Amino acid sequence: MKRLIIPVLAGAMSLAAFQAMAADKVTLQLKWVTQAQFAGYYVAKAKGFYEAEGLDVEIKPGGPDIAPEQVIAGGGADVIV
């Protein structure tokens, strides 16, 4: 039994090491200025939900002069709303 536990423990520890890598950077472009309809994105960031999934999320507010489709087409964001 001890012979089985050691390789399993070593495998589990090596998997834990992979989770220590840097978070993936993601930029989220909102379609309008910060308001209640986008609260979920901000709450998820504040509570660390993105970090728990290995994401480093930057939330960019929109506005009247911001076209999210053009922002993502130009490489200024990874995700648009």
PDB file of N, CA and C in Angstrom:
ATOM      1  N   MET A   1       0.820  -1.196   0.000  1.00  0.00           N
ATOM      2  CA  MET A   1       0.000   0.000   0.000  1.00  0.00           C
ATOM      3  C   MET A   1       0.867   1.265   0.000  1.00  0.00           C
ATOM      4  N   LYS A   2       1.982   1.242   0.749  1.00  0.00           N
ATOM      5  CA  LYS A   2       2.856   2.409   0.793  1.00  0.00           C
ATOM      6  C   LYS A   2       3.469   2.687  -0.573  1.00  0.00           C
ATOM      7  N   ARG A   3       3.693   1.645  -1.354  1.00  0.00           N
ATOM      8  CA  ARG A   3       4.269   1.835  -2.684  1.00  0.00           C
ATOM      9  C   ARG A   3       3.302   2.566  -3.609  1.00  0.00           C
ATOM     10  N   LEU A   4       2.027   2.421  -3.394  1.00  0.00           N
ATOM     11  CA  LEU A   4       1.022   3.086  -4.215  1.00  0.00           C
ATOM     12  C   LEU A   4       0.805   4.531  -3.779  1.00  0.00           C
ATOM     13  N   ILE A   5       0.875   4.792  -2.503  1.00  0.00           N
ATOM     14  CA  ILE A   5       0.600   6.130  -1.970  1.00  0.00           C
ATOM     15  C   ILE A   5       1.663   7.133  -2.415  1.00  0.00           C
ATOM     16  N   ILE A   6       2.918   6.748  -2.422  1.00  0.00           N
ATOM     17  CA  ILE A   6       3.997   7.678  -2.757  1.00  0.00           C
ATOM     18  C   ILE A   6       3.875   8.197  -4.188  1.00  0.00           C
ATOM     19  N   PRO A   7       3.682   7.356  -5.216  1.00  0.00           N
ATOM     20  CA  PRO A   7       3.527   7.908  -6.570  1.00  0.00           C
ATOM     21  C   PRO A   7       2.268   8.758  -6.730  1.00  0.00           C
ATOM     22  N   VAL A   8       1.202   8.365  -6.063  1.00  0.00           N
ATOM     23  CA  VAL A   8      -0.034   9.150  -6.157  1.00  0.00           C
ATOM     24  C   VAL A   8       0.165  10.512  -5.515  1.00  0.00           C
ATOM     25  N   LEU A   9       0.815  10.557  -4.366  1.00  0.00           N
ATOM     26  CA  LEU A   9       1.092  11.820  -3.691  1.00  0.00           C
ATOM     27  C   LEU A   9       2.010  12.699  -4.531  1.00  0.00           C
ATOM     28  N   ALA A  10       3.022  12.107  -5.121  1.00  0.00           N
ATOM     29  CA  ALA A  10       3.950  12.866  -5.975  1.00  0.00           C
ATOM     30  C   ALA A  10       3.219  13.427  -7.190  1.00  0.00           C
ATOM     31  N   GLY A  11       2.316  12.654  -7.763  1.00  0.00           N
ATOM     32  CA  GLY A  11       1.534  13.138  -8.903  1.00  0.00           C
ATOM     33  C   GLY A  11       0.631  14.283  -8.519  1.00  0.00           C
ATOM     34  N   ALA A  12       0.004  14.190  -7.360  1.00  0.00           N
ATOM     35  CA  ALA A  12      -0.881  15.258  -6.892  1.00  0.00           C
ATOM     36  C   ALA A  12      -0.099  16.538  -6.638  1.00  0.00           C
ATOM     37  N   MET A  13       1.095  16.409  -6.093  1.00  0.00           N
ATOM     38  CA  MET A  13       1.908  17.597  -5.833  1.00  0.00           C
ATOM     39  C   MET A  13       2.378  18.242  -7.131  1.00  0.00           C
ATOM     40  N   SER A  14       2.657  17.441  -8.152  1.00  0.00           N
ATOM     41  CA  SER A  14       3.085  18.021  -9.425  1.00  0.00           C
ATOM     42  C   SER A  14       1.927  18.757 -10.088  1.00  0.00           C
ATOM     43  N   LEU A  15       0.704  18.271  -9.930  1.00  0.00           N
ATOM     44  CA  LEU A  15      -0.457  18.983 -10.470  1.00  0.00           C
ATOM     45  C   LEU A  15      -0.662  20.304  -9.751  1.00  0.00           C
ATOM     46  N   ALA A  16      -0.431  20.333  -8.472  1.00  0.00           N
ATOM     47  CA  ALA A  16      -0.569  21.570  -7.707  1.00  0.00           C
ATOM     48  C   ALA A  16       0.439  22.610  -8.183  1.00  0.00           C
ATOM     49  N   ALA A  17       1.600  22.183  -8.635  1.00  0.00           N
ATOM     50  CA  ALA A  17       2.615  23.114  -9.123  1.00  0.00           C
ATOM     51  C   ALA A  17       2.161  23.811 -10.400  1.00  0.00           C
ATOM     52  N   PHE A  18       1.394  23.143 -11.232  1.00  0.00           N
ATOM     53  CA  PHE A  18       0.907  23.766 -12.461  1.00  0.00           C
ATOM     54  C   PHE A  18      -0.056  24.909 -12.170  1.00  0.00           C
ATOM     55  N   GLN A  19      -0.783  24.862 -11.092  1.00  0.00           N
ATOM     56  CA  GLN A  19      -1.725  25.914 -10.754  1.00  0.00           C
ATOM     57  C   GLN A  19      -1.029  27.179 -10.274  1.00  0.00           C
ATOM     58  N   ALA A  20       0.242  27.111 -10.004  1.00  0.00           N
ATOM     59  CA  ALA A  20       0.976  28.265  -9.517  1.00  0.00           C
ATOM     60  C   ALA A  20       1.436  29.181 -10.653  1.00  0.00           C
ATOM     61  N   MET A  21       1.119  28.847 -11.897  1.00  0.00           N
ATOM     62  CA  MET A  21       1.530  29.675 -13.028  1.00  0.00           C
ATOM     63  C   MET A  21       0.767  30.999 -13.023  1.00  0.00           C
ATOM     64  N   ALA A  22       1.270  31.963 -13.764  1.00  0.00           N
ATOM     65  CA  ALA A  22       0.651  33.281 -13.828  1.00  0.00           C
ATOM     66  C   ALA A  22      -0.728  33.201 -14.474  1.00  0.00           C
ATOM     67  N   ALA A  23      -1.602  34.099 -14.040  1.00  0.00           N
ATOM     68  CA  ALA A  23      -2.959  34.147 -14.568  1.00  0.00           C
ATOM     69  C   ALA A  23      -2.950  34.683 -16.002  1.00  0.00           C
ATOM     70  N   ASP A  24      -3.900  34.227 -16.803  1.00  0.00           N
ATOM     71  CA  ASP A  24      -4.054  34.723 -18.172  1.00  0.00           C
ATOM     72  C   ASP A  24      -4.669  36.115 -18.119  1.00  0.00           C
ATOM     73  N   LYS A  25      -4.067  37.059 -18.833  1.00  0.00           N
ATOM     74  CA  LYS A  25      -4.601  38.419 -18.882  1.00  0.00           C
ATOM     75  C   LYS A  25      -5.747  38.481 -19.881  1.00  0.00           C
ATOM     76  N   VAL A  26      -6.859  39.045 -19.454  1.00  0.00           N
ATOM     77  CA  VAL A  26      -8.047  39.198 -20.289  1.00  0.00           C
ATOM     78  C   VAL A  26      -8.562  40.619 -20.126  1.00  0.00           C
ATOM     79  N   THR A  27      -8.872  41.263 -21.236  1.00  0.00           N
ATOM     80  CA  THR A  27      -9.447  42.607 -21.198  1.00  0.00           C
ATOM     81  C   THR A  27     -10.894  42.527 -21.645  1.00  0.00           C
ATOM     82  N   LEU A  28     -11.792  43.018 -20.800  1.00  0.00           N
ATOM     83  CA  LEU A  28     -13.230  43.027 -21.062  1.00  0.00           C
ATOM     84  C   LEU A  28     -13.660  44.456 -21.361  1.00  0.00           C
ATOM     85  N   GLN A  29     -14.191  44.685 -22.559  1.00  0.00           N
ATOM     86  CA  GLN A  29     -14.661  46.013 -22.967  1.00  0.00           C
ATOM     87  C   GLN A  29     -16.173  46.066 -22.814  1.00  0.00           C
ATOM     88  N   LEU A  30     -16.639  46.967 -21.956  1.00  0.00           N
ATOM     89  CA  LEU A  30     -18.082  47.149 -21.772  1.00  0.00           C
ATOM     90  C   LEU A  30     -18.630  48.055 -22.870  1.00  0.00           C
ATOM     91  N   LYS A  31     -19.921  47.936 -23.132  1.00  0.00           N
ATOM     92  CA  LYS A  31     -20.519  48.750 -24.202  1.00  0.00           C
ATOM     93  C   LYS A  31     -20.937  50.137 -23.732  1.00  0.00           C
ATOM     94  N   TRP A  32     -20.954  50.345 -22.425  1.00  0.00           N
ATOM     95  CA  TRP A  32     -21.375  51.631 -21.912  1.00  0.00           C
ATOM     96  C   TRP A  32     -20.624  51.913 -20.622  1.00  0.00           C
ATOM     97  N   VAL A  33     -20.829  53.076 -20.049  1.00  0.00           N
ATOM     98  CA  VAL A  33     -20.154  53.452 -18.806  1.00  0.00           C
ATOM     99  C   VAL A  33     -20.584  52.520 -17.682  1.00  0.00           C
ATOM    100  N   THR A  34     -19.802  52.501 -16.624  1.00  0.00           N
ATOM    101  CA  THR A  34     -20.090  51.632 -15.485  1.00  0.00           C
ATOM    102  C   THR A  34     -21.455  51.968 -14.905  1.00  0.00           C
ATOM    103  N   GLN A  35     -22.316  50.944 -14.858  1.00  0.00           N
ATOM    104  CA  GLN A  35     -23.646  51.097 -14.278  1.00  0.00           C
ATOM    105  C   GLN A  35     -24.133  49.726 -13.818  1.00  0.00           C
ATOM    106  N   ALA A  36     -25.334  49.679 -13.275  1.00  0.00           N
ATOM    107  CA  ALA A  36     -25.846  48.471 -12.616  1.00  0.00           C
ATOM    108  C   ALA A  36     -25.855  47.235 -13.508  1.00  0.00           C
ATOM    109  N   GLN A  37     -26.098  47.384 -14.792  1.00  0.00           N
ATOM    110  CA  GLN A  37     -26.181  46.205 -15.656  1.00  0.00           C
ATOM    111  C   GLN A  37     -24.854  45.452 -15.764  1.00  0.00           C
ATOM    112  N   PHE A  38     -23.752  46.091 -15.397  1.00  0.00           N
ATOM    113  CA  PHE A  38     -22.441  45.455 -15.449  1.00  0.00           C
ATOM    114  C   PHE A  38     -21.935  45.067 -14.061  1.00  0.00           C
ATOM    115  N   ALA A  39     -22.767  45.182 -13.056  1.00  0.00           N
ATOM    116  CA  ALA A  39     -22.344  44.941 -11.668  1.00  0.00           C
ATOM    117  C   ALA A  39     -21.761  43.550 -11.486  1.00  0.00           C
ATOM    118  N   GLY A  40     -22.317  42.558 -12.157  1.00  0.00           N
ATOM    119  CA  GLY A  40     -21.842  41.192 -11.997  1.00  0.00           C
ATOM    120  C   GLY A  40     -20.373  41.033 -12.343  1.00  0.00           C
ATOM    121  N   TYR A  41     -19.904  41.724 -13.367  1.00  0.00           N
ATOM    122  CA  TYR A  41     -18.499  41.642 -13.761  1.00  0.00           C
ATOM    123  C   TYR A  41     -17.596  42.224 -12.670  1.00  0.00           C
ATOM    124  N   TYR A  42     -18.023  43.359 -12.102  1.00  0.00           N
ATOM    125  CA  TYR A  42     -17.233  44.004 -11.062  1.00  0.00           C
ATOM    126  C   TYR A  42     -17.268  43.217  -9.751  1.00  0.00           C
ATOM    127  N   VAL A  43     -18.411  42.656  -9.413  1.00  0.00           N
ATOM    128  CA  VAL A  43     -18.522  41.852  -8.190  1.00  0.00           C
ATOM    129  C   VAL A  43     -17.655  40.596  -8.307  1.00  0.00           C
ATOM    130  N   ALA A  44     -17.689  39.950  -9.476  1.00  0.00           N
ATOM    131  CA  ALA A  44     -16.866  38.754  -9.682  1.00  0.00           C
ATOM    132  C   ALA A  44     -15.384  39.083  -9.522  1.00  0.00           C
ATOM    133  N   LYS A  45     -14.980  40.241 -10.010  1.00  0.00           N
ATOM    134  CA  LYS A  45     -13.576  40.641  -9.862  1.00  0.00           C
ATOM    135  C   LYS A  45     -13.255  40.932  -8.402  1.00  0.00           C
ATOM    136  N   ALA A  46     -14.135  41.660  -7.717  1.00  0.00           N
ATOM    137  CA  ALA A  46     -13.909  42.017  -6.317  1.00  0.00           C
ATOM    138  C   ALA A  46     -13.872  40.790  -5.410  1.00  0.00           C
ATOM    139  N   LYS A  47     -14.658  39.801  -5.713  1.00  0.00           N
ATOM    140  CA  LYS A  47     -14.701  38.589  -4.884  1.00  0.00           C
ATOM    141  C   LYS A  47     -13.634  37.566  -5.267  1.00  0.00           C
ATOM    142  N   GLY A  48     -12.860  37.851  -6.309  1.00  0.00           N
ATOM    143  CA  GLY A  48     -11.761  36.972  -6.684  1.00  0.00           C
ATOM    144  C   GLY A  48     -12.173  35.766  -7.516  1.00  0.00           C
ATOM    145  N   PHE A  49     -13.356  35.803  -8.119  1.00  0.00           N
ATOM    146  CA  PHE A  49     -13.817  34.666  -8.922  1.00  0.00           C
ATOM    147  C   PHE A  49     -12.954  34.472 -10.164  1.00  0.00           C
ATOM    148  N   TYR A  50     -12.537  35.568 -10.785  1.00  0.00           N
ATOM    149  CA  TYR A  50     -11.692  35.456 -11.975  1.00  0.00           C
ATOM    150  C   TYR A  50     -10.334  34.864 -11.600  1.00  0.00           C
ATOM    151  N   GLU A  51      -9.752  35.366 -10.520  1.00  0.00           N
ATOM    152  CA  GLU A  51      -8.453  34.864 -10.074  1.00  0.00           C
ATOM    153  C   GLU A  51      -8.520  33.374  -9.756  1.00  0.00           C
ATOM    154  N   ALA A  52      -9.614  32.942  -9.159  1.00  0.00           N
ATOM    155  CA  ALA A  52      -9.773  31.527  -8.821  1.00  0.00           C
ATOM    156  C   ALA A  52      -9.758  30.641 -10.066  1.00  0.00           C
ATOM    157  N   GLU A  53     -10.134  31.213 -11.207  1.00  0.00           N
ATOM    158  CA  GLU A  53     -10.140  30.469 -12.467  1.00  0.00           C
ATOM    159  C   GLU A  53      -8.903  30.737 -13.305  1.00  0.00           C
ATOM    160  N   GLY A  54      -7.931  31.458 -12.731  1.00  0.00           N
ATOM    161  CA  GLY A  54      -6.669  31.704 -13.426  1.00  0.00           C
ATOM    162  C   GLY A  54      -6.736  32.842 -14.427  1.00  0.00           C
ATOM    163  N   LEU A  55      -7.593  33.829 -14.166  1.00  0.00           N
ATOM    164  CA  LEU A  55      -7.735  34.960 -15.078  1.00  0.00           C
ATOM    165  C   LEU A  55      -7.390  36.269 -14.370  1.00  0.00           C
ATOM    166  N   ASP A  56      -6.664  37.121 -15.068  1.00  0.00           N
ATOM    167  CA  ASP A  56      -6.374  38.466 -14.601  1.00  0.00           C
ATOM    168  C   ASP A  56      -7.186  39.398 -15.498  1.00  0.00           C
ATOM    169  N   VAL A  57      -8.363  39.796 -15.027  1.00  0.00           N
ATOM    170  CA  VAL A  57      -9.320  40.524 -15.854  1.00  0.00           C
ATOM    171  C   VAL A  57      -9.204  42.027 -15.634  1.00  0.00           C
ATOM    172  N   GLU A  58      -9.097  42.753 -16.735  1.00  0.00           N
ATOM    173  CA  GLU A  58      -9.160  44.219 -16.724  1.00  0.00           C
ATOM    174  C   GLU A  58     -10.489  44.598 -17.360  1.00  0.00           C
ATOM    175  N   ILE A  59     -11.287  45.393 -16.655  1.00  0.00           N
ATOM    176  CA  ILE A  59     -12.589  45.811 -17.162  1.00  0.00           C
ATOM    177  C   ILE A  59     -12.483  47.256 -17.635  1.00  0.00           C
ATOM    178  N   LYS A  60     -12.755  47.460 -18.923  1.00  0.00           N
ATOM    179  CA  LYS A  60     -12.714  48.807 -19.502  1.00  0.00           C
ATOM    180  C   LYS A  60     -14.141  49.301 -19.708  1.00  0.00           C
ATOM    181  N   PRO A  61     -14.492  50.434 -19.120  1.00  0.00           N
ATOM    182  CA  PRO A  61     -15.827  50.976 -19.356  1.00  0.00           C
ATOM    183  C   PRO A  61     -15.956  51.523 -20.771  1.00  0.00           C
ATOM    184  N   GLY A  62     -17.169  51.515 -21.270  1.00  0.00           N
ATOM    185  CA  GLY A  62     -17.437  52.054 -22.597  1.00  0.00           C
ATOM    186  C   GLY A  62     -17.889  53.497 -22.497  1.00  0.00           C
ATOM    187  N   GLY A  63     -18.620  53.933 -23.496  1.00  0.00           N
ATOM    188  CA  GLY A  63     -19.134  55.299 -23.510  1.00  0.00           C
ATOM    189  C   GLY A  63     -19.676  55.630 -24.876  1.00  0.00           C
ATOM    190  N   PRO A  64     -20.133  56.862 -25.045  1.00  0.00           N
ATOM    191  CA  PRO A  64     -20.740  57.237 -26.319  1.00  0.00           C
ATOM    192  C   PRO A  64     -19.762  57.204 -27.492  1.00  0.00           C
ATOM    193  N   ASP A  65     -18.478  57.361 -27.223  1.00  0.00           N
ATOM    194  CA  ASP A  65     -17.477  57.372 -28.293  1.00  0.00           C
ATOM    195  C   ASP A  65     -16.747  56.038 -28.439  1.00  0.00           C
ATOM    196  N   ILE A  66     -17.222  54.997 -27.748  1.00  0.00           N
ATOM    197  CA  ILE A  66     -16.557  53.692 -27.770  1.00  0.00           C
ATOM    198  C   ILE A  66     -17.447  52.700 -28.502  1.00  0.00           C
ATOM    199  N   ALA A  67     -16.918  52.083 -29.533  1.00  0.00           N
ATOM    200  CA  ALA A  67     -17.620  51.018 -30.255  1.00  0.00           C
ATOM    201  C   ALA A  67     -16.896  49.715 -29.932  1.00  0.00           C
ATOM    202  N   PRO A  68     -17.476  48.880 -29.057  1.00  0.00           N
ATOM    203  CA  PRO A  68     -16.786  47.649 -28.654  1.00  0.00           C
ATOM    204  C   PRO A  68     -16.340  46.777 -29.819  1.00  0.00           C
ATOM    205  N   GLU A  69     -17.113  46.750 -30.895  1.00  0.00           N
ATOM    206  CA  GLU A  69     -16.739  45.939 -32.055  1.00  0.00           C
ATOM    207  C   GLU A  69     -15.425  46.417 -32.663  1.00  0.00           C
ATOM    208  N   GLN A  70     -15.238  47.728 -32.695  1.00  0.00           N
ATOM    209  CA  GLN A  70     -14.001  48.286 -33.238  1.00  0.00           C
ATOM    210  C   GLN A  70     -12.834  48.069 -32.278  1.00  0.00           C
ATOM    211  N   VAL A  71     -13.133  48.114 -30.984  1.00  0.00           N
ATOM    212  CA  VAL A  71     -12.078  47.898 -29.987  1.00  0.00           C
ATOM    213  C   VAL A  71     -11.524  46.484 -30.105  1.00  0.00           C
ATOM    214  N   ILE A  72     -12.403  45.492 -30.204  1.00  0.00           N
ATOM    215  CA  ILE A  72     -11.930  44.106 -30.298  1.00  0.00           C
ATOM    216  C   ILE A  72     -11.260  43.851 -31.651  1.00  0.00           C
ATOM    217  N   ALA A  73     -11.762  44.465 -32.698  1.00  0.00           N
ATOM    218  CA  ALA A  73     -11.159  44.297 -34.025  1.00  0.00           C
ATOM    219  C   ALA A  73      -9.745  44.895 -34.057  1.00  0.00           C
ATOM    220  N   GLY A  74      -9.538  45.970 -33.293  1.00  0.00           N
ATOM    221  CA  GLY A  74      -8.237  46.598 -33.243  1.00  0.00           C
ATOM    222  C   GLY A  74      -7.301  45.978 -32.225  1.00  0.00           C
ATOM    223  N   GLY A  75      -7.758  44.942 -31.505  1.00  0.00           N
ATOM    224  CA  GLY A  75      -6.904  44.282 -30.522  1.00  0.00           C
ATOM    225  C   GLY A  75      -6.873  44.946 -29.172  1.00  0.00           C
ATOM    226  N   GLY A  76      -7.787  45.877 -28.915  1.00  0.00           N
ATOM    227  CA  GLY A  76      -7.807  46.571 -27.636  1.00  0.00           C
ATOM    228  C   GLY A  76      -8.539  45.839 -26.534  1.00  0.00           C
ATOM    229  N   ALA A  77      -9.180  44.729 -26.880  1.00  0.00           N
ATOM    230  CA  ALA A  77      -9.906  43.932 -25.880  1.00  0.00           C
ATOM    231  C   ALA A  77      -9.949  42.481 -26.360  1.00  0.00           C
ATOM    232  N   ASP A  78     -10.147  41.585 -25.399  1.00  0.00           N
ATOM    233  CA  ASP A  78     -10.281  40.165 -25.709  1.00  0.00           C
ATOM    234  C   ASP A  78     -11.742  39.742 -25.736  1.00  0.00           C
ATOM    235  N   VAL A  79     -12.570  40.439 -24.959  1.00  0.00           N
ATOM    236  CA  VAL A  79     -14.000  40.121 -24.851  1.00  0.00           C
ATOM    237  C   VAL A  79     -14.753  41.433 -24.841  1.00  0.00           C
ATOM    238  N   ILE A  80     -15.906  41.463 -25.528  1.00  0.00           N
ATOM    239  CA  ILE A  80     -16.757  42.656 -25.513  1.00  0.00           C
ATOM    240  C   ILE A  80     -18.154  42.275 -25.055  1.00  0.00           C
ATOM    241  N   VAL A  81     -18.824  43.266 -24.481  1.00  0.00           N
ATOM    242  CA  VAL A  81     -20.216  43.097 -24.058  1.00  0.00           C
ATOM    243  C   VAL A  81     -21.029  44.132 -24.797  1.00  0.00           C
TER     244      VAL A  81
END
